[in-house]
Amino acid sequence: MSSTIAVVGAGPGLGRAIARRFGSAGHPVALIARSRQRLEAIAASLRAEGIAAGVYPADVTDTPGLTAALSAAAGELGRIGVMSYSPGATWDHAPGRVPDLAAMGITSALETTPESARAQFDLLMAGALAASRAVLPAMRQARDGALLFTTGMSAVLPMPMMGSTGIATAGLRNWASAVRDDLAKDGVYVGHVSIGLPIMPGPGEGDPGAIAERWFQLAQTRDTFETTIGF
């Protein structure tokens, strides 16, 4: 039986697509996000396709709660061998709609304060560290695992309007790059995908299923640390 994939920050778009792709390959799926109701809906859709899926509500900014959720998932579904981390606000990419960055807690570079930077750091960087620390011991012991981090374009290219988010995602990218060689010696793959276009169903690279397939192939070949999509 394949190891479990924990999808941290699971939503109905990319999170569900990643869960579906890995689940269709035999990985039990642990869905982690704040809303139990949303997670149950995603789990139901996966189970309808014959994929084993469990729901473990947790806030990624609550380290003890997140750690407990990952531990519970491993206890019920089996060792977590893949951890996908991609929490964050969901953008409405409908034509003519402009995302309200302020409502998502995102401040421009000039408007970034210690508080706004800290909030994004806790969500995007500290949460990733907490999740990684929770799953790495078992991965390293088994000498098999994968940490998959999905961010936006501001992780790679500074964007004035994404000031507070860029600080956090660039930090995550830096950390992931710094640990990848050491973890590779223990059989753990670390990968980073930076997305610079709208994530929405369709024929292009931004289709959630297409991104999930990209992640699945990266996790199989394990020969590429970073992939950018849309830029």
C-alpha atoms as a PDB file:
ATOM      1  CA  MET A   1       0.000   0.000   0.000  1.00  0.00           C
ATOM      2  CA  SER A   2       1.294   3.447  -0.889  1.00  0.00           C
ATOM      3  CA  SER A   3       2.064   5.954   1.832  1.00  0.00           C
ATOM      4  CA  THR A   4      -0.425   8.679   2.724  1.00  0.00           C
ATOM      5  CA  ILE A   5      -0.376  12.121   1.144  1.00  0.00           C
ATOM      6  CA  ALA A   6      -1.244  14.965   3.499  1.00  0.00           C
ATOM      7  CA  VAL A   7      -2.704  17.913   1.611  1.00  0.00           C
ATOM      8  CA  VAL A   8      -2.240  20.871   3.935  1.00  0.00           C
ATOM      9  CA  GLY A   9      -4.347  23.838   2.930  1.00  0.00           C
ATOM     10  CA  ALA A  10      -6.750  21.633   0.998  1.00  0.00           C
ATOM     11  CA  GLY A  11      -9.320  23.572  -0.992  1.00  0.00           C
ATOM     12  CA  PRO A  12     -11.747  22.720  -3.806  1.00  0.00           C
ATOM     13  CA  GLY A  13      -9.299  23.786  -6.543  1.00  0.00           C
ATOM     14  CA  LEU A  14      -5.632  22.884  -6.508  1.00  0.00           C
ATOM     15  CA  GLY A  15      -5.742  21.032  -3.184  1.00  0.00           C
ATOM     16  CA  ARG A  16      -8.476  18.713  -4.370  1.00  0.00           C
ATOM     17  CA  ALA A  17      -6.704  18.188  -7.694  1.00  0.00           C
ATOM     18  CA  ILE A  18      -3.457  17.180  -5.970  1.00  0.00           C
ATOM     19  CA  ALA A  19      -5.355  14.871  -3.639  1.00  0.00           C
ATOM     20  CA  ARG A  20      -7.178  13.308  -6.579  1.00  0.00           C
ATOM     21  CA  ARG A  21      -4.014  12.754  -8.632  1.00  0.00           C
ATOM     22  CA  PHE A  22      -2.020  11.136  -5.852  1.00  0.00           C
ATOM     23  CA  GLY A  23      -5.086   9.323  -4.543  1.00  0.00           C
ATOM     24  CA  SER A  24      -5.753   7.801  -7.960  1.00  0.00           C
ATOM     25  CA  ALA A  25      -2.228   6.363  -7.807  1.00  0.00           C
ATOM     26  CA  GLY A  26      -3.049   4.553  -4.572  1.00  0.00           C
ATOM     27  CA  HIS A  27      -2.086   7.074  -1.885  1.00  0.00           C
ATOM     28  CA  PRO A  28      -4.605   7.468   0.946  1.00  0.00           C
ATOM     29  CA  VAL A  29      -5.398  11.174   1.308  1.00  0.00           C
ATOM     30  CA  ALA A  30      -5.392  13.255   4.499  1.00  0.00           C
ATOM     31  CA  LEU A  31      -7.147  16.568   3.929  1.00  0.00           C
ATOM     32  CA  ILE A  32      -6.118  19.387   6.282  1.00  0.00           C
ATOM     33  CA  ALA A  33      -7.602  22.896   6.440  1.00  0.00           C
ATOM     34  CA  ARG A  34      -9.667  24.956   8.866  1.00  0.00           C
ATOM     35  CA  SER A  35     -13.194  24.189   7.622  1.00  0.00           C
ATOM     36  CA  ARG A  36     -14.466  20.687   8.354  1.00  0.00           C
ATOM     37  CA  GLN A  37     -17.490  21.303   6.141  1.00  0.00           C
ATOM     38  CA  ARG A  38     -15.389  22.109   3.088  1.00  0.00           C
ATOM     39  CA  LEU A  39     -13.059  19.211   3.769  1.00  0.00           C
ATOM     40  CA  GLU A  40     -15.966  16.787   4.066  1.00  0.00           C
ATOM     41  CA  ALA A  41     -17.268  17.891   0.668  1.00  0.00           C
ATOM     42  CA  ILE A  42     -13.856  17.315  -0.928  1.00  0.00           C
ATOM     43  CA  ALA A  43     -13.475  13.962   0.822  1.00  0.00           C
ATOM     44  CA  ALA A  44     -16.902  12.839  -0.366  1.00  0.00           C
ATOM     45  CA  SER A  45     -16.017  13.638  -3.982  1.00  0.00           C
ATOM     46  CA  LEU A  46     -12.767  11.679  -3.674  1.00  0.00           C
ATOM     47  CA  ARG A  47     -14.414   8.689  -2.025  1.00  0.00           C
ATOM     48  CA  ALA A  48     -16.952   8.619  -4.847  1.00  0.00           C
ATOM     49  CA  GLU A  49     -13.986   7.904  -7.121  1.00  0.00           C
ATOM     50  CA  GLY A  50     -12.715   5.101  -4.900  1.00  0.00           C
ATOM     51  CA  ILE A  51     -10.008   7.152  -3.159  1.00  0.00           C
ATOM     52  CA  ALA A  52      -9.459   6.674   0.578  1.00  0.00           C
ATOM     53  CA  ALA A  53      -9.728  10.122   2.161  1.00  0.00           C
ATOM     54  CA  GLY A  54      -9.797  11.376   5.738  1.00  0.00           C
ATOM     55  CA  VAL A  55     -10.631  14.810   7.125  1.00  0.00           C
ATOM     56  CA  TYR A  56      -8.440  16.470   9.767  1.00  0.00           C
ATOM     57  CA  PRO A  57      -9.413  20.095  10.470  1.00  0.00           C
ATOM     58  CA  ALA A  58      -6.568  22.310  11.652  1.00  0.00           C
ATOM     59  CA  ASP A  59      -5.347  25.886  11.351  1.00  0.00           C
ATOM     60  CA  VAL A  60      -1.815  25.994   9.939  1.00  0.00           C
ATOM     61  CA  THR A  61      -0.988  28.905  12.232  1.00  0.00           C
ATOM     62  CA  ASP A  62      -1.726  26.685  15.261  1.00  0.00           C
ATOM     63  CA  THR A  63       1.387  24.531  15.503  1.00  0.00           C
ATOM     64  CA  PRO A  64       0.112  22.126  18.197  1.00  0.00           C
ATOM     65  CA  GLY A  65      -3.190  21.700  16.364  1.00  0.00           C
ATOM     66  CA  LEU A  66      -1.526  21.140  12.998  1.00  0.00           C
ATOM     67  CA  THR A  67       0.941  18.671  14.471  1.00  0.00           C
ATOM     68  CA  ALA A  68      -1.893  16.777  16.154  1.00  0.00           C
ATOM     69  CA  ALA A  69      -3.879  16.631  12.904  1.00  0.00           C
ATOM     70  CA  LEU A  70      -0.922  15.197  10.993  1.00  0.00           C
ATOM     71  CA  SER A  71      -0.290  12.676  13.756  1.00  0.00           C
ATOM     72  CA  ALA A  72      -3.924  11.595  13.716  1.00  0.00           C
ATOM     73  CA  ALA A  73      -3.839  11.227   9.939  1.00  0.00           C
ATOM     74  CA  ALA A  74      -0.746   9.024  10.088  1.00  0.00           C
ATOM     75  CA  GLY A  75      -2.321   6.911  12.815  1.00  0.00           C
ATOM     76  CA  GLU A  76      -5.521   6.326  10.862  1.00  0.00           C
ATOM     77  CA  LEU A  77      -4.366   6.241   7.230  1.00  0.00           C
ATOM     78  CA  GLY A  78      -0.741   5.149   7.529  1.00  0.00           C
ATOM     79  CA  ARG A  79       2.638   6.825   7.371  1.00  0.00           C
ATOM     80  CA  ILE A  80       2.665  10.193   5.634  1.00  0.00           C
ATOM     81  CA  GLY A  81       5.082   9.831   2.751  1.00  0.00           C
ATOM     82  CA  VAL A  82       4.054  12.940   0.819  1.00  0.00           C
ATOM     83  CA  MET A  83       3.188  16.349   2.240  1.00  0.00           C
ATOM     84  CA  SER A  84       1.740  19.007  -0.049  1.00  0.00           C
ATOM     85  CA  TYR A  85       1.660  22.510   1.440  1.00  0.00           C
ATOM     86  CA  SER A  86      -0.315  25.241  -0.290  1.00  0.00           C
ATOM     87  CA  PRO A  87      -2.508  27.240   2.094  1.00  0.00           C
ATOM     88  CA  GLY A  88      -3.632  30.753   1.348  1.00  0.00           C
ATOM     89  CA  ALA A  89      -6.495  32.814   0.054  1.00  0.00           C
ATOM     90  CA  THR A  90      -8.567  31.635  -2.898  1.00  0.00           C
ATOM     91  CA  TRP A  91      -8.673  34.180  -5.708  1.00  0.00           C
ATOM     92  CA  ASP A  92     -11.773  34.773  -7.786  1.00  0.00           C
ATOM     93  CA  HIS A  93     -10.428  34.798 -11.336  1.00  0.00           C
ATOM     94  CA  ALA A  94     -13.765  35.392 -13.034  1.00  0.00           C
ATOM     95  CA  PRO A  95     -13.477  37.851 -15.942  1.00  0.00           C
ATOM     96  CA  GLY A  96     -13.660  41.448 -14.776  1.00  0.00           C
ATOM     97  CA  ARG A  97     -13.057  40.594 -11.125  1.00  0.00           C
ATOM     98  CA  VAL A  98     -10.054  42.158  -9.379  1.00  0.00           C
ATOM     99  CA  PRO A  99      -8.842  40.324  -6.256  1.00  0.00           C
ATOM    100  CA  ASP A 100      -9.184  42.349  -3.054  1.00  0.00           C
ATOM    101  CA  LEU A 101      -5.669  41.887  -1.713  1.00  0.00           C
ATOM    102  CA  ALA A 102      -6.345  43.878   1.450  1.00  0.00           C
ATOM    103  CA  ALA A 103      -9.235  41.575   2.345  1.00  0.00           C
ATOM    104  CA  MET A 104      -6.816  38.663   2.051  1.00  0.00           C
ATOM    105  CA  GLY A 105      -4.372  40.288   4.435  1.00  0.00           C
ATOM    106  CA  ILE A 106      -1.874  41.071   1.686  1.00  0.00           C
ATOM    107  CA  THR A 107      -0.155  44.453   1.790  1.00  0.00           C
ATOM    108  CA  SER A 108       2.005  46.161  -0.818  1.00  0.00           C
ATOM    109  CA  ALA A 109       5.718  46.521  -0.189  1.00  0.00           C
ATOM    110  CA  LEU A 110       5.391  50.146   0.900  1.00  0.00           C
ATOM    111  CA  GLU A 111       2.405  49.392   3.111  1.00  0.00           C
ATOM    112  CA  THR A 112       3.878  46.302   4.752  1.00  0.00           C
ATOM    113  CA  THR A 113       4.155  46.512   8.514  1.00  0.00           C
ATOM    114  CA  PRO A 114       5.677  44.089  11.015  1.00  0.00           C
ATOM    115  CA  GLU A 115       2.144  42.912  11.755  1.00  0.00           C
ATOM    116  CA  SER A 116       1.125  42.270   8.139  1.00  0.00           C
ATOM    117  CA  ALA A 117       4.435  40.575   7.394  1.00  0.00           C
ATOM    118  CA  ARG A 118       4.148  38.419  10.507  1.00  0.00           C
ATOM    119  CA  ALA A 119       0.630  37.282   9.596  1.00  0.00           C
ATOM    120  CA  GLN A 120       1.777  36.066   6.172  1.00  0.00           C
ATOM    121  CA  PHE A 121       4.908  34.526   7.662  1.00  0.00           C
ATOM    122  CA  ASP A 122       2.816  32.532  10.129  1.00  0.00           C
ATOM    123  CA  LEU A 123       0.516  31.297   7.373  1.00  0.00           C
ATOM    124  CA  LEU A 124       2.996  30.535   4.620  1.00  0.00           C
ATOM    125  CA  MET A 125       6.376  29.993   6.271  1.00  0.00           C
ATOM    126  CA  ALA A 126       5.883  28.998   9.908  1.00  0.00           C
ATOM    127  CA  GLY A 127       3.029  26.660   8.979  1.00  0.00           C
ATOM    128  CA  ALA A 128       5.230  24.939   6.407  1.00  0.00           C
ATOM    129  CA  LEU A 129       7.990  24.519   8.985  1.00  0.00           C
ATOM    130  CA  ALA A 130       5.571  23.079  11.526  1.00  0.00           C
ATOM    131  CA  ALA A 131       4.072  20.639   9.029  1.00  0.00           C
ATOM    132  CA  SER A 132       7.507  19.581   7.800  1.00  0.00           C
ATOM    133  CA  ARG A 133       8.801  18.983  11.313  1.00  0.00           C
ATOM    134  CA  ALA A 134       5.743  16.845  12.040  1.00  0.00           C
ATOM    135  CA  VAL A 135       6.191  14.502   9.073  1.00  0.00           C
ATOM    136  CA  LEU A 136       9.960  14.439   8.538  1.00  0.00           C
ATOM    137  CA  PRO A 137      10.988  12.027  11.320  1.00  0.00           C
ATOM    138  CA  ALA A 138       8.926   9.168   9.849  1.00  0.00           C
ATOM    139  CA  MET A 139      10.021  10.038   6.308  1.00  0.00           C
ATOM    140  CA  ARG A 140      13.681  10.017   7.251  1.00  0.00           C
ATOM    141  CA  GLN A 141      13.338   6.795   9.198  1.00  0.00           C
ATOM    142  CA  ALA A 142      11.680   5.118   6.211  1.00  0.00           C
ATOM    143  CA  ARG A 143      14.193   6.801   3.885  1.00  0.00           C
ATOM    144  CA  ASP A 144      11.295   7.750   1.657  1.00  0.00           C
ATOM    145  CA  GLY A 145       9.277  10.938   1.514  1.00  0.00           C
ATOM    146  CA  ALA A 146       8.421  14.101  -0.379  1.00  0.00           C
ATOM    147  CA  LEU A 147       7.748  17.677   0.691  1.00  0.00           C
ATOM    148  CA  LEU A 148       5.890  19.655  -1.982  1.00  0.00           C
ATOM    149  CA  PHE A 149       5.591  23.426  -1.577  1.00  0.00           C
ATOM    150  CA  THR A 150       3.377  25.506  -3.881  1.00  0.00           C
ATOM    151  CA  THR A 151       3.726  29.296  -3.909  1.00  0.00           C
ATOM    152  CA  GLY A 152       3.059  32.257  -6.175  1.00  0.00           C
ATOM    153  CA  MET A 153       5.324  34.249  -8.457  1.00  0.00           C
ATOM    154  CA  SER A 154       6.351  36.643  -5.672  1.00  0.00           C
ATOM    155  CA  ALA A 155       8.438  33.843  -4.128  1.00  0.00           C
ATOM    156  CA  VAL A 156      10.797  34.157  -7.094  1.00  0.00           C
ATOM    157  CA  LEU A 157      10.263  37.671  -8.452  1.00  0.00           C
ATOM    158  CA  PRO A 158       9.650  40.633  -6.103  1.00  0.00           C
ATOM    159  CA  MET A 159       6.242  42.180  -6.794  1.00  0.00           C
ATOM    160  CA  PRO A 160       5.411  45.521  -5.130  1.00  0.00           C
ATOM    161  CA  MET A 161       1.722  44.692  -4.690  1.00  0.00           C
ATOM    162  CA  MET A 162       2.518  41.376  -2.980  1.00  0.00           C
ATOM    163  CA  GLY A 163       4.930  42.784  -0.409  1.00  0.00           C
ATOM    164  CA  SER A 164       3.887  40.912   2.731  1.00  0.00           C
ATOM    165  CA  THR A 165       3.289  37.629   0.907  1.00  0.00           C
ATOM    166  CA  GLY A 166       6.550  37.823  -1.011  1.00  0.00           C
ATOM    167  CA  ILE A 167       8.532  38.073   2.210  1.00  0.00           C
ATOM    168  CA  ALA A 168       6.976  34.822   3.449  1.00  0.00           C
ATOM    169  CA  THR A 169       7.027  32.801   0.241  1.00  0.00           C
ATOM    170  CA  ALA A 170      10.568  33.860  -0.657  1.00  0.00           C
ATOM    171  CA  GLY A 171      11.569  32.706   2.805  1.00  0.00           C
ATOM    172  CA  LEU A 172       9.870  29.352   2.268  1.00  0.00           C
ATOM    173  CA  ARG A 173      11.598  28.932  -1.076  1.00  0.00           C
ATOM    174  CA  ASN A 174      14.948  29.789   0.523  1.00  0.00           C
ATOM    175  CA  TRP A 175      14.472  27.254   3.324  1.00  0.00           C
ATOM    176  CA  ALA A 176      13.290  24.514   0.981  1.00  0.00           C
ATOM    177  CA  SER A 177      16.295  25.040  -1.267  1.00  0.00           C
ATOM    178  CA  ALA A 178      18.654  25.052   1.708  1.00  0.00           C
ATOM    179  CA  VAL A 179      17.458  21.713   3.133  1.00  0.00           C
ATOM    180  CA  ARG A 180      16.871  19.776  -0.067  1.00  0.00           C
ATOM    181  CA  ASP A 181      20.374  18.342  -0.462  1.00  0.00           C
ATOM    182  CA  ASP A 182      20.627  17.177   3.142  1.00  0.00           C
ATOM    183  CA  LEU A 183      17.165  15.621   3.040  1.00  0.00           C
ATOM    184  CA  ALA A 184      17.912  13.947  -0.284  1.00  0.00           C
ATOM    185  CA  LYS A 185      20.612  11.964   1.523  1.00  0.00           C
ATOM    186  CA  ASP A 186      17.821  10.579   3.712  1.00  0.00           C
ATOM    187  CA  GLY A 187      15.611   9.706   0.752  1.00  0.00           C
ATOM    188  CA  VAL A 188      13.339  12.743   1.085  1.00  0.00           C
ATOM    189  CA  TYR A 189      12.563  14.833  -1.993  1.00  0.00           C
ATOM    190  CA  VAL A 190      11.888  18.555  -1.596  1.00  0.00           C
ATOM    191  CA  GLY A 191      10.215  20.434  -4.434  1.00  0.00           C
ATOM    192  CA  HIS A 192       8.903  23.934  -5.088  1.00  0.00           C
ATOM    193  CA  VAL A 193       6.397  25.022  -7.727  1.00  0.00           C
ATOM    194  CA  SER A 194       5.824  28.750  -8.213  1.00  0.00           C
ATOM    195  CA  ILE A 195       2.652  29.697 -10.079  1.00  0.00           C
ATOM    196  CA  GLY A 196       2.359  33.011 -11.875  1.00  0.00           C
ATOM    197  CA  LEU A 197      -1.045  32.726 -13.525  1.00  0.00           C
ATOM    198  CA  PRO A 198      -4.653  32.212 -12.449  1.00  0.00           C
ATOM    199  CA  ILE A 199      -5.445  28.726 -11.156  1.00  0.00           C
ATOM    200  CA  MET A 200      -8.710  27.856 -12.860  1.00  0.00           C
ATOM    201  CA  PRO A 201     -10.158  24.980 -14.883  1.00  0.00           C
ATOM    202  CA  GLY A 202      -9.374  25.123 -18.570  1.00  0.00           C
ATOM    203  CA  PRO A 203      -7.005  24.022 -21.292  1.00  0.00           C
ATOM    204  CA  GLY A 204      -3.967  25.982 -20.084  1.00  0.00           C
ATOM    205  CA  GLU A 205      -1.165  25.485 -17.580  1.00  0.00           C
ATOM    206  CA  GLY A 206      -3.257  27.010 -14.806  1.00  0.00           C
ATOM    207  CA  ASP A 207      -5.741  24.144 -14.791  1.00  0.00           C
ATOM    208  CA  PRO A 208      -5.663  22.539 -11.306  1.00  0.00           C
ATOM    209  CA  GLY A 209      -5.470  19.075 -12.822  1.00  0.00           C
ATOM    210  CA  ALA A 210      -2.532  20.066 -15.010  1.00  0.00           C
ATOM    211  CA  ILE A 211      -0.651  21.489 -12.016  1.00  0.00           C
ATOM    212  CA  ALA A 212      -1.428  18.369  -9.982  1.00  0.00           C
ATOM    213  CA  GLU A 213      -0.073  16.201 -12.792  1.00  0.00           C
ATOM    214  CA  ARG A 214       3.079  18.320 -12.866  1.00  0.00           C
ATOM    215  CA  TRP A 215       3.501  17.771  -9.127  1.00  0.00           C
ATOM    216  CA  PHE A 216       2.930  14.037  -9.438  1.00  0.00           C
ATOM    217  CA  GLN A 217       5.597  13.707 -12.111  1.00  0.00           C
ATOM    218  CA  LEU A 218       8.083  15.808 -10.110  1.00  0.00           C
ATOM    219  CA  ALA A 219       7.499  13.611  -7.067  1.00  0.00           C
ATOM    220  CA  GLN A 220       8.134  10.521  -9.162  1.00  0.00           C
ATOM    221  CA  THR A 221      11.285  11.625 -10.970  1.00  0.00           C
ATOM    222  CA  ARG A 222      12.686  13.675  -8.062  1.00  0.00           C
ATOM    223  CA  ASP A 223      15.285  15.262 -10.324  1.00  0.00           C
ATOM    224  CA  THR A 224      14.044  18.867 -10.315  1.00  0.00           C
ATOM    225  CA  PHE A 225      13.785  21.128  -7.284  1.00  0.00           C
ATOM    226  CA  GLU A 226      11.914  24.053  -8.786  1.00  0.00           C
ATOM    227  CA  THR A 227       9.385  24.556 -11.547  1.00  0.00           C
ATOM    228  CA  THR A 228       7.713  27.813 -12.518  1.00  0.00           C
ATOM    229  CA  ILE A 229       4.353  27.954 -14.253  1.00  0.00           C
ATOM    230  CA  GLY A 230       3.164  30.961 -16.191  1.00  0.00           C
ATOM    231  CA  PHE A 231       6.329  33.058 -16.098  1.00  0.00           C
END
